[in-house]
Amino acid sequence: GAGEAKPGQFLAIYSEDRTKLLPRPISICAVDAKAGTLRVVYRI
């Protein structure tokens, strides 16, 4: 994902609580394709 991400895109992150079936969409804050990391900043 880090190798393909562009500014303005987002991730769908799934909860480990399986009673919550739908993912939470969180915008990508920073990309490090070389390190293979994505950073998200979110509010509860």
ModelCIF file with pLDDT and N, C-alpha, C, O atoms, coordinates in Angstrom:
data_MODEL
#
_entry.id   MODEL 
#
_entity.id                         1 
_entity.type                       polymer 
_entity.pdbx_number_of_molecules   1 
#
_entity_poly.entity_id                      1 
_entity_poly.type                           'polypeptide(L)' 
_entity_poly.nstd_linkage                   no 
_entity_poly.nstd_monomer                   no 
_entity_poly.pdbx_seq_one_letter_code       GAGEAKPGQFLAIYSEDRTKLLPRPISICAVDAKAGTLRVVYRI 
_entity_poly.pdbx_seq_one_letter_code_can   GAGEAKPGQFLAIYSEDRTKLLPRPISICAVDAKAGTLRVVYRI 
_entity_poly.pdbx_strand_id                 A 
#
loop_
_entity_poly_seq.entity_id 
_entity_poly_seq.num 
_entity_poly_seq.mon_id 
_entity_poly_seq.hetero 
1 1  GLY n 
1 2  ALA n 
1 3  GLY n 
1 4  GLU n 
1 5  ALA n 
1 6  LYS n 
1 7  PRO n 
1 8  GLY n 
1 9  GLN n 
1 10 PHE n 
1 11 LEU n 
1 12 ALA n 
1 13 ILE n 
1 14 TYR n 
1 15 SER n 
1 16 GLU n 
1 17 ASP n 
1 18 ARG n 
1 19 THR n 
1 20 LYS n 
1 21 LEU n 
1 22 LEU n 
1 23 PRO n 
1 24 ARG n 
1 25 PRO n 
1 26 ILE n 
1 27 SER n 
1 28 ILE n 
1 29 CYS n 
1 30 ALA n 
1 31 VAL n 
1 32 ASP n 
1 33 ALA n 
1 34 LYS n 
1 35 ALA n 
1 36 GLY n 
1 37 THR n 
1 38 LEU n 
1 39 ARG n 
1 40 VAL n 
1 41 VAL n 
1 42 TYR n 
1 43 ARG n 
1 44 ILE n 
#
_struct_asym.id          A 
_struct_asym.entity_id   1 
#
loop_
_ma_qa_metric.id 
_ma_qa_metric.mode 
_ma_qa_metric.name 
_ma_qa_metric.software_group_id 
_ma_qa_metric.type 
1 global pLDDT . pLDDT 
2 local  pLDDT . pLDDT 
#
_ma_qa_metric_global.metric_id      1 
_ma_qa_metric_global.metric_value   92.77 
_ma_qa_metric_global.model_id       1 
_ma_qa_metric_global.ordinal_id     1 
#
loop_
_ma_qa_metric_local.label_asym_id 
_ma_qa_metric_local.label_comp_id 
_ma_qa_metric_local.label_seq_id 
_ma_qa_metric_local.metric_id 
_ma_qa_metric_local.metric_value 
_ma_qa_metric_local.model_id 
_ma_qa_metric_local.ordinal_id 
A GLY 1  2 91.00 1 1  
A ALA 2  2 94.00 1 2  
A GLY 3  2 92.00 1 3  
A GLU 4  2 93.00 1 4  
A ALA 5  2 95.00 1 5  
A LYS 6  2 95.00 1 6  
A PRO 7  2 96.00 1 7  
A GLY 8  2 95.00 1 8  
A GLN 9  2 94.00 1 9  
A PHE 10 2 93.00 1 10 
A LEU 11 2 94.00 1 11 
A ALA 12 2 92.00 1 12 
A ILE 13 2 94.00 1 13 
A TYR 14 2 94.00 1 14 
A SER 15 2 91.00 1 15 
A GLU 16 2 88.00 1 16 
A ASP 17 2 88.00 1 17 
A ARG 18 2 78.00 1 18 
A THR 19 2 79.00 1 19 
A LYS 20 2 81.00 1 20 
A LEU 21 2 79.00 1 21 
A LEU 22 2 82.00 1 22 
A PRO 23 2 88.00 1 23 
A ARG 24 2 89.00 1 24 
A PRO 25 2 90.00 1 25 
A ILE 26 2 93.00 1 26 
A SER 27 2 94.00 1 27 
A ILE 28 2 97.00 1 28 
A CYS 29 2 98.00 1 29 
A ALA 30 2 98.00 1 30 
A VAL 31 2 98.00 1 31 
A ASP 32 2 97.00 1 32 
A ALA 33 2 96.00 1 33 
A LYS 34 2 96.00 1 34 
A ALA 35 2 97.00 1 35 
A GLY 36 2 97.00 1 36 
A THR 37 2 98.00 1 37 
A LEU 38 2 98.00 1 38 
A ARG 39 2 98.00 1 39 
A VAL 40 2 98.00 1 40 
A VAL 41 2 97.00 1 41 
A TYR 42 2 96.00 1 42 
A ARG 43 2 96.00 1 43 
A ILE 44 2 95.00 1 44 
#
loop_
_atom_site.group_PDB 
_atom_site.id 
_atom_site.type_symbol 
_atom_site.label_atom_id 
_atom_site.label_alt_id 
_atom_site.label_comp_id 
_atom_site.label_asym_id 
_atom_site.label_entity_id 
_atom_site.label_seq_id 
_atom_site.pdbx_PDB_ins_code 
_atom_site.Cartn_x 
_atom_site.Cartn_y 
_atom_site.Cartn_z 
_atom_site.occupancy 
_atom_site.B_iso_or_equiv 
_atom_site.pdbx_formal_charge 
_atom_site.auth_seq_id 
_atom_site.auth_comp_id 
_atom_site.auth_asym_id 
_atom_site.auth_atom_id 
_atom_site.pdbx_PDB_model_num 
ATOM 1   N N  . GLY A 1 1  ? 0.817   -1.204 0.000  1.00 91.00 ? 1  GLY A N  1 
ATOM 2   C CA . GLY A 1 1  ? 0.000   0.000  0.000  1.00 91.00 ? 1  GLY A CA 1 
ATOM 3   C C  . GLY A 1 1  ? 0.850   1.253  0.000  1.00 91.00 ? 1  GLY A C  1 
ATOM 4   O O  . GLY A 1 1  ? 0.513   2.233  -0.664 1.00 91.00 ? 1  GLY A O  1 
ATOM 5   N N  . ALA A 1 2  ? 1.957   1.232  0.744  1.00 94.00 ? 2  ALA A N  1 
ATOM 6   C CA . ALA A 1 2  ? 2.839   2.395  0.804  1.00 94.00 ? 2  ALA A CA 1 
ATOM 7   C C  . ALA A 1 2  ? 3.485   2.675  -0.544 1.00 94.00 ? 2  ALA A C  1 
ATOM 8   O O  . ALA A 1 2  ? 3.782   3.825  -0.868 1.00 94.00 ? 2  ALA A O  1 
ATOM 9   N N  . GLY A 1 3  ? 3.701   1.638  -1.321 1.00 92.00 ? 3  GLY A N  1 
ATOM 10  C CA . GLY A 1 3  ? 4.320   1.816  -2.632 1.00 92.00 ? 3  GLY A CA 1 
ATOM 11  C C  . GLY A 1 3  ? 3.394   2.432  -3.653 1.00 92.00 ? 3  GLY A C  1 
ATOM 12  O O  . GLY A 1 3  ? 3.850   2.906  -4.693 1.00 92.00 ? 3  GLY A O  1 
ATOM 13  N N  . GLU A 1 4  ? 2.096   2.437  -3.379 1.00 93.00 ? 4  GLU A N  1 
ATOM 14  C CA . GLU A 1 4  ? 1.126   2.929  -4.355 1.00 93.00 ? 4  GLU A CA 1 
ATOM 15  C C  . GLU A 1 4  ? 0.334   4.137  -3.888 1.00 93.00 ? 4  GLU A C  1 
ATOM 16  O O  . GLU A 1 4  ? -0.352  4.762  -4.697 1.00 93.00 ? 4  GLU A O  1 
ATOM 17  N N  . ALA A 1 5  ? 0.405   4.486  -2.606 1.00 95.00 ? 5  ALA A N  1 
ATOM 18  C CA . ALA A 1 5  ? -0.448  5.533  -2.040 1.00 95.00 ? 5  ALA A CA 1 
ATOM 19  C C  . ALA A 1 5  ? -0.121  6.922  -2.589 1.00 95.00 ? 5  ALA A C  1 
ATOM 20  O O  . ALA A 1 5  ? 1.035   7.252  -2.851 1.00 95.00 ? 5  ALA A O  1 
ATOM 21  N N  . LYS A 1 6  ? -1.175  7.724  -2.754 1.00 95.00 ? 6  LYS A N  1 
ATOM 22  C CA . LYS A 1 6  ? -1.053  9.106  -3.214 1.00 95.00 ? 6  LYS A CA 1 
ATOM 23  C C  . LYS A 1 6  ? -1.711  10.039 -2.201 1.00 95.00 ? 6  LYS A C  1 
ATOM 24  O O  . LYS A 1 6  ? -2.621  9.626  -1.482 1.00 95.00 ? 6  LYS A O  1 
ATOM 25  N N  . PRO A 1 7  ? -1.262  11.289 -2.138 1.00 96.00 ? 7  PRO A N  1 
ATOM 26  C CA . PRO A 1 7  ? -1.896  12.250 -1.230 1.00 96.00 ? 7  PRO A CA 1 
ATOM 27  C C  . PRO A 1 7  ? -3.390  12.386 -1.512 1.00 96.00 ? 7  PRO A C  1 
ATOM 28  O O  . PRO A 1 7  ? -3.804  12.555 -2.659 1.00 96.00 ? 7  PRO A O  1 
ATOM 29  N N  . GLY A 1 8  ? -4.179  12.310 -0.467 1.00 95.00 ? 8  GLY A N  1 
ATOM 30  C CA . GLY A 1 8  ? -5.631  12.425 -0.609 1.00 95.00 ? 8  GLY A CA 1 
ATOM 31  C C  . GLY A 1 8  ? -6.359  11.098 -0.537 1.00 95.00 ? 8  GLY A C  1 
ATOM 32  O O  . GLY A 1 8  ? -7.583  11.074 -0.413 1.00 95.00 ? 8  GLY A O  1 
ATOM 33  N N  . GLN A 1 9  ? -5.623  9.979  -0.612 1.00 94.00 ? 9  GLN A N  1 
ATOM 34  C CA . GLN A 1 9  ? -6.268  8.674  -0.505 1.00 94.00 ? 9  GLN A CA 1 
ATOM 35  C C  . GLN A 1 9  ? -6.449  8.296  0.970  1.00 94.00 ? 9  GLN A C  1 
ATOM 36  O O  . GLN A 1 9  ? -5.972  8.989  1.869  1.00 94.00 ? 9  GLN A O  1 
ATOM 37  N N  . PHE A 1 10 ? -7.153  7.176  1.194  1.00 93.00 ? 10 PHE A N  1 
ATOM 38  C CA . PHE A 1 10 ? -7.414  6.760  2.562  1.00 93.00 ? 10 PHE A CA 1 
ATOM 39  C C  . PHE A 1 10 ? -7.303  5.250  2.696  1.00 93.00 ? 10 PHE A C  1 
ATOM 40  O O  . PHE A 1 10 ? -7.233  4.524  1.705  1.00 93.00 ? 10 PHE A O  1 
ATOM 41  N N  . LEU A 1 11 ? -7.289  4.792  3.947  1.00 94.00 ? 11 LEU A N  1 
ATOM 42  C CA . LEU A 1 11 ? -7.272  3.379  4.269  1.00 94.00 ? 11 LEU A CA 1 
ATOM 43  C C  . LEU A 1 11 ? -8.590  2.989  4.924  1.00 94.00 ? 11 LEU A C  1 
ATOM 44  O O  . LEU A 1 11 ? -9.212  3.800  5.610  1.00 94.00 ? 11 LEU A O  1 
ATOM 45  N N  . ALA A 1 12 ? -9.014  1.752  4.712  1.00 92.00 ? 12 ALA A N  1 
ATOM 46  C CA . ALA A 1 12 ? -10.135 1.177  5.451  1.00 92.00 ? 12 ALA A CA 1 
ATOM 47  C C  . ALA A 1 12 ? -9.517  0.214  6.467  1.00 92.00 ? 12 ALA A C  1 
ATOM 48  O O  . ALA A 1 12 ? -8.928  -0.799 6.089  1.00 92.00 ? 12 ALA A O  1 
ATOM 49  N N  . ILE A 1 13 ? -9.651  0.528  7.739  1.00 94.00 ? 13 ILE A N  1 
ATOM 50  C CA . ILE A 1 13 ? -9.016  -0.259 8.799  1.00 94.00 ? 13 ILE A CA 1 
ATOM 51  C C  . ILE A 1 13 ? -10.083 -1.010 9.577  1.00 94.00 ? 13 ILE A C  1 
ATOM 52  O O  . ILE A 1 13 ? -11.059 -0.427 10.048 1.00 94.00 ? 13 ILE A O  1 
ATOM 53  N N  . TYR A 1 14 ? -9.880  -2.314 9.704  1.00 94.00 ? 14 TYR A N  1 
ATOM 54  C CA . TYR A 1 14 ? -10.868 -3.180 10.356 1.00 94.00 ? 14 TYR A CA 1 
ATOM 55  C C  . TYR A 1 14 ? -10.545 -3.365 11.833 1.00 94.00 ? 14 TYR A C  1 
ATOM 56  O O  . TYR A 1 14 ? -9.383  -3.490 12.222 1.00 94.00 ? 14 TYR A O  1 
ATOM 57  N N  . SER A 1 15 ? -11.593 -3.378 12.641 1.00 91.00 ? 15 SER A N  1 
ATOM 58  C CA . SER A 1 15 ? -11.437 -3.605 14.073 1.00 91.00 ? 15 SER A CA 1 
ATOM 59  C C  . SER A 1 15 ? -11.221 -5.095 14.338 1.00 91.00 ? 15 SER A C  1 
ATOM 60  O O  . SER A 1 15 ? -11.718 -5.951 13.607 1.00 91.00 ? 15 SER A O  1 
ATOM 61  N N  . GLU A 1 16 ? -10.478 -5.376 15.387 1.00 88.00 ? 16 GLU A N  1 
ATOM 62  C CA . GLU A 1 16 ? -10.308 -6.764 15.812 1.00 88.00 ? 16 GLU A CA 1 
ATOM 63  C C  . GLU A 1 16 ? -11.545 -7.277 16.543 1.00 88.00 ? 16 GLU A C  1 
ATOM 64  O O  . GLU A 1 16 ? -11.665 -8.477 16.791 1.00 88.00 ? 16 GLU A O  1 
ATOM 65  N N  . ASP A 1 17 ? -12.453 -6.389 16.885 1.00 88.00 ? 17 ASP A N  1 
ATOM 66  C CA . ASP A 1 17 ? -13.741 -6.766 17.474 1.00 88.00 ? 17 ASP A CA 1 
ATOM 67  C C  . ASP A 1 17 ? -14.654 -7.209 16.340 1.00 88.00 ? 17 ASP A C  1 
ATOM 68  O O  . ASP A 1 17 ? -15.146 -6.370 15.587 1.00 88.00 ? 17 ASP A O  1 
ATOM 69  N N  . ARG A 1 18 ? -14.882 -8.473 16.208 1.00 78.00 ? 18 ARG A N  1 
ATOM 70  C CA . ARG A 1 18 ? -15.615 -9.014 15.058 1.00 78.00 ? 18 ARG A CA 1 
ATOM 71  C C  . ARG A 1 18 ? -17.100 -8.690 15.087 1.00 78.00 ? 18 ARG A C  1 
ATOM 72  O O  . ARG A 1 18 ? -17.810 -9.010 14.133 1.00 78.00 ? 18 ARG A O  1 
ATOM 73  N N  . THR A 1 19 ? -17.594 -8.062 16.157 1.00 79.00 ? 19 THR A N  1 
ATOM 74  C CA . THR A 1 19 ? -18.976 -7.587 16.145 1.00 79.00 ? 19 THR A CA 1 
ATOM 75  C C  . THR A 1 19 ? -19.089 -6.310 15.316 1.00 79.00 ? 19 THR A C  1 
ATOM 76  O O  . THR A 1 19 ? -20.191 -5.882 14.971 1.00 79.00 ? 19 THR A O  1 
ATOM 77  N N  . LYS A 1 20 ? -17.953 -5.708 15.002 1.00 81.00 ? 20 LYS A N  1 
ATOM 78  C CA . LYS A 1 20 ? -17.919 -4.504 14.172 1.00 81.00 ? 20 LYS A CA 1 
ATOM 79  C C  . LYS A 1 20 ? -17.433 -4.901 12.781 1.00 81.00 ? 20 LYS A C  1 
ATOM 80  O O  . LYS A 1 20 ? -16.231 -4.960 12.519 1.00 81.00 ? 20 LYS A O  1 
ATOM 81  N N  . LEU A 1 21 ? -18.385 -5.170 11.903 1.00 79.00 ? 21 LEU A N  1 
ATOM 82  C CA . LEU A 1 21 ? -18.069 -5.753 10.610 1.00 79.00 ? 21 LEU A CA 1 
ATOM 83  C C  . LEU A 1 21 ? -17.470 -4.745 9.632  1.00 79.00 ? 21 LEU A C  1 
ATOM 84  O O  . LEU A 1 21 ? -16.644 -5.110 8.796  1.00 79.00 ? 21 LEU A O  1 
ATOM 85  N N  . LEU A 1 22 ? -17.874 -3.495 9.729  1.00 82.00 ? 22 LEU A N  1 
ATOM 86  C CA . LEU A 1 22 ? -17.443 -2.513 8.745  1.00 82.00 ? 22 LEU A CA 1 
ATOM 87  C C  . LEU A 1 22 ? -16.132 -1.848 9.158  1.00 82.00 ? 22 LEU A C  1 
ATOM 88  O O  . LEU A 1 22 ? -15.917 -1.592 10.343 1.00 82.00 ? 22 LEU A O  1 
ATOM 89  N N  . PRO A 1 23 ? -15.260 -1.567 8.200  1.00 88.00 ? 23 PRO A N  1 
ATOM 90  C CA . PRO A 1 23 ? -13.993 -0.897 8.515  1.00 88.00 ? 23 PRO A CA 1 
ATOM 91  C C  . PRO A 1 23 ? -14.201 0.583  8.793  1.00 88.00 ? 23 PRO A C  1 
ATOM 92  O O  . PRO A 1 23 ? -15.251 1.143  8.479  1.00 88.00 ? 23 PRO A O  1 
ATOM 93  N N  . ARG A 1 24 ? -13.199 1.205  9.381  1.00 89.00 ? 24 ARG A N  1 
ATOM 94  C CA . ARG A 1 24 ? -13.209 2.651  9.613  1.00 89.00 ? 24 ARG A CA 1 
ATOM 95  C C  . ARG A 1 24 ? -12.316 3.311  8.573  1.00 89.00 ? 24 ARG A C  1 
ATOM 96  O O  . ARG A 1 24 ? -11.143 2.953  8.460  1.00 89.00 ? 24 ARG A O  1 
ATOM 97  N N  . PRO A 1 25 ? -12.843 4.270  7.809  1.00 90.00 ? 25 PRO A N  1 
ATOM 98  C CA . PRO A 1 25 ? -12.018 4.962  6.813  1.00 90.00 ? 25 PRO A CA 1 
ATOM 99  C C  . PRO A 1 25 ? -11.181 6.037  7.482  1.00 90.00 ? 25 PRO A C  1 
ATOM 100 O O  . PRO A 1 25 ? -11.715 6.878  8.206  1.00 90.00 ? 25 PRO A O  1 
ATOM 101 N N  . ILE A 1 26 ? -9.875  6.020  7.248  1.00 93.00 ? 26 ILE A N  1 
ATOM 102 C CA . ILE A 1 26 ? -8.977  7.009  7.837  1.00 93.00 ? 26 ILE A CA 1 
ATOM 103 C C  . ILE A 1 26 ? -8.023  7.501  6.748  1.00 93.00 ? 26 ILE A C  1 
ATOM 104 O O  . ILE A 1 26 ? -7.374  6.704  6.070  1.00 93.00 ? 26 ILE A O  1 
ATOM 105 N N  . SER A 1 27 ? -7.951  8.812  6.591  1.00 94.00 ? 27 SER A N  1 
ATOM 106 C CA . SER A 1 27 ? -7.101  9.393  5.554  1.00 94.00 ? 27 SER A CA 1 
ATOM 107 C C  . SER A 1 27 ? -5.627  9.144  5.835  1.00 94.00 ? 27 SER A C  1 
ATOM 108 O O  . SER A 1 27 ? -5.201  9.080  6.988  1.00 94.00 ? 27 SER A O  1 
ATOM 109 N N  . ILE A 1 28 ? -4.860  9.004  4.768  1.00 97.00 ? 28 ILE A N  1 
ATOM 110 C CA . ILE A 1 28 ? -3.422  8.819  4.881  1.00 97.00 ? 28 ILE A CA 1 
ATOM 111 C C  . ILE A 1 28 ? -2.773  10.170 5.157  1.00 97.00 ? 28 ILE A C  1 
ATOM 112 O O  . ILE A 1 28 ? -3.000  11.139 4.432  1.00 97.00 ? 28 ILE A O  1 
ATOM 113 N N  . CYS A 1 29 ? -1.973  10.224 6.200  1.00 98.00 ? 29 CYS A N  1 
ATOM 114 C CA . CYS A 1 29 ? -1.288  11.460 6.587  1.00 98.00 ? 29 CYS A CA 1 
ATOM 115 C C  . CYS A 1 29 ? 0.099   11.549 5.949  1.00 98.00 ? 29 CYS A C  1 
ATOM 116 O O  . CYS A 1 29 ? 0.504   12.616 5.488  1.00 98.00 ? 29 CYS A O  1 
ATOM 117 N N  . ALA A 1 30 ? 0.820   10.437 5.925  1.00 98.00 ? 30 ALA A N  1 
ATOM 118 C CA . ALA A 1 30 ? 2.175   10.448 5.383  1.00 98.00 ? 30 ALA A CA 1 
ATOM 119 C C  . ALA A 1 30 ? 2.508   9.090  4.784  1.00 98.00 ? 30 ALA A C  1 
ATOM 120 O O  . ALA A 1 30 ? 1.992   8.058  5.213  1.00 98.00 ? 30 ALA A O  1 
ATOM 121 N N  . VAL A 1 31 ? 3.385   9.111  3.778  1.00 98.00 ? 31 VAL A N  1 
ATOM 122 C CA . VAL A 1 31 ? 3.780   7.911  3.051  1.00 98.00 ? 31 VAL A CA 1 
ATOM 123 C C  . VAL A 1 31 ? 5.294   7.803  3.041  1.00 98.00 ? 31 VAL A C  1 
ATOM 124 O O  . VAL A 1 31 ? 5.990   8.779  2.761  1.00 98.00 ? 31 VAL A O  1 
ATOM 125 N N  . ASP A 1 32 ? 5.802   6.622  3.345  1.00 97.00 ? 32 ASP A N  1 
ATOM 126 C CA . ASP A 1 32 ? 7.234   6.350  3.194  1.00 97.00 ? 32 ASP A CA 1 
ATOM 127 C C  . ASP A 1 32 ? 7.349   5.054  2.389  1.00 97.00 ? 32 ASP A C  1 
ATOM 128 O O  . ASP A 1 32 ? 7.398   3.958  2.947  1.00 97.00 ? 32 ASP A O  1 
ATOM 129 N N  . ALA A 1 33 ? 7.390   5.208  1.059  1.00 96.00 ? 33 ALA A N  1 
ATOM 130 C CA . ALA A 1 33 ? 7.417   4.038  0.189  1.00 96.00 ? 33 ALA A CA 1 
ATOM 131 C C  . ALA A 1 33 ? 8.672   3.207  0.405  1.00 96.00 ? 33 ALA A C  1 
ATOM 132 O O  . ALA A 1 33 ? 8.627   1.979  0.340  1.00 96.00 ? 33 ALA A O  1 
ATOM 133 N N  . LYS A 1 34 ? 9.794   3.875  0.662  1.00 96.00 ? 34 LYS A N  1 
ATOM 134 C CA . LYS A 1 34 ? 11.057  3.154  0.858  1.00 96.00 ? 34 LYS A CA 1 
ATOM 135 C C  . LYS A 1 34 ? 11.006  2.285  2.112  1.00 96.00 ? 34 LYS A C  1 
ATOM 136 O O  . LYS A 1 34 ? 11.471  1.145  2.099  1.00 96.00 ? 34 LYS A O  1 
ATOM 137 N N  . ALA A 1 35 ? 10.446  2.818  3.188  1.00 97.00 ? 35 ALA A N  1 
ATOM 138 C CA . ALA A 1 35 ? 10.340  2.047  4.438  1.00 97.00 ? 35 ALA A CA 1 
ATOM 139 C C  . ALA A 1 35 ? 9.127   1.131  4.443  1.00 97.00 ? 35 ALA A C  1 
ATOM 140 O O  . ALA A 1 35 ? 9.016   0.248  5.293  1.00 97.00 ? 35 ALA A O  1 
ATOM 141 N N  . GLY A 1 36 ? 8.204   1.339  3.483  1.00 97.00 ? 36 GLY A N  1 
ATOM 142 C CA . GLY A 1 36 ? 6.996   0.506  3.424  1.00 97.00 ? 36 GLY A CA 1 
ATOM 143 C C  . GLY A 1 36 ? 5.990   0.829  4.506  1.00 97.00 ? 36 GLY A C  1 
ATOM 144 O O  . GLY A 1 36 ? 5.296   -0.058 5.004  1.00 97.00 ? 36 GLY A O  1 
ATOM 145 N N  . THR A 1 37 ? 5.908   2.116  4.877  1.00 98.00 ? 37 THR A N  1 
ATOM 146 C CA . THR A 1 37 ? 5.011   2.503  5.964  1.00 98.00 ? 37 THR A CA 1 
ATOM 147 C C  . THR A 1 37 ? 4.001   3.558  5.519  1.00 98.00 ? 37 THR A C  1 
ATOM 148 O O  . THR A 1 37 ? 4.256   4.357  4.618  1.00 98.00 ? 37 THR A O  1 
ATOM 149 N N  . LEU A 1 38 ? 2.860   3.530  6.175  1.00 98.00 ? 38 LEU A N  1 
ATOM 150 C CA . LEU A 1 38 ? 1.831   4.542  6.018  1.00 98.00 ? 38 LEU A CA 1 
ATOM 151 C C  . LEU A 1 38 ? 1.498   5.083  7.401  1.00 98.00 ? 38 LEU A C  1 
ATOM 152 O O  . LEU A 1 38 ? 1.466   4.338  8.380  1.00 98.00 ? 38 LEU A O  1 
ATOM 153 N N  . ARG A 1 39 ? 1.254   6.373  7.468  1.00 98.00 ? 39 ARG A N  1 
ATOM 154 C CA . ARG A 1 39 ? 0.937   7.026  8.739  1.00 98.00 ? 39 ARG A CA 1 
ATOM 155 C C  . ARG A 1 39 ? -0.472  7.590  8.670  1.00 98.00 ? 39 ARG A C  1 
ATOM 156 O O  . ARG A 1 39 ? -0.843  8.235  7.689  1.00 98.00 ? 39 ARG A O  1 
ATOM 157 N N  . VAL A 1 40 ? -1.254  7.345  9.711  1.00 98.00 ? 40 VAL A N  1 
ATOM 158 C CA . VAL A 1 40 ? -2.596  7.915  9.802  1.00 98.00 ? 40 VAL A CA 1 
ATOM 159 C C  . VAL A 1 40 ? -2.716  8.679  11.112 1.00 98.00 ? 40 VAL A C  1 
ATOM 160 O O  . VAL A 1 40 ? -2.179  8.263  12.138 1.00 98.00 ? 40 VAL A O  1 
ATOM 161 N N  . VAL A 1 41 ? -3.419  9.788  11.065 1.00 97.00 ? 41 VAL A N  1 
ATOM 162 C CA . VAL A 1 41 ? -3.723  10.565 12.270 1.00 97.00 ? 41 VAL A CA 1 
ATOM 163 C C  . VAL A 1 41 ? -5.238  10.673 12.331 1.00 97.00 ? 41 VAL A C  1 
ATOM 164 O O  . VAL A 1 41 ? -5.866  11.167 11.394 1.00 97.00 ? 41 VAL A O  1 
ATOM 165 N N  . TYR A 1 42 ? -5.817  10.222 13.410 1.00 96.00 ? 42 TYR A N  1 
ATOM 166 C CA . TYR A 1 42 ? -7.276  10.127 13.497 1.00 96.00 ? 42 TYR A CA 1 
ATOM 167 C C  . TYR A 1 42 ? -7.771  10.616 14.854 1.00 96.00 ? 42 TYR A C  1 
ATOM 168 O O  . TYR A 1 42 ? -7.024  10.665 15.831 1.00 96.00 ? 42 TYR A O  1 
ATOM 169 N N  . ARG A 1 43 ? -9.038  10.970 14.885 1.00 96.00 ? 43 ARG A N  1 
ATOM 170 C CA . ARG A 1 43 ? -9.693  11.375 16.130 1.00 96.00 ? 43 ARG A CA 1 
ATOM 171 C C  . ARG A 1 43 ? -10.662 10.277 16.555 1.00 96.00 ? 43 ARG A C  1 
ATOM 172 O O  . ARG A 1 43 ? -11.350 9.698  15.714 1.00 96.00 ? 43 ARG A O  1 
ATOM 173 N N  . ILE A 1 44 ? -10.721 9.989  17.836 1.00 95.00 ? 44 ILE A N  1 
ATOM 174 C CA . ILE A 1 44 ? -11.694 9.024  18.333 1.00 95.00 ? 44 ILE A CA 1 
ATOM 175 C C  . ILE A 1 44 ? -13.093 9.558  18.050 1.00 95.00 ? 44 ILE A C  1 
ATOM 176 O O  . ILE A 1 44 ? -14.082 8.905  18.385 1.00 95.00 ? 44 ILE A O  1 
#
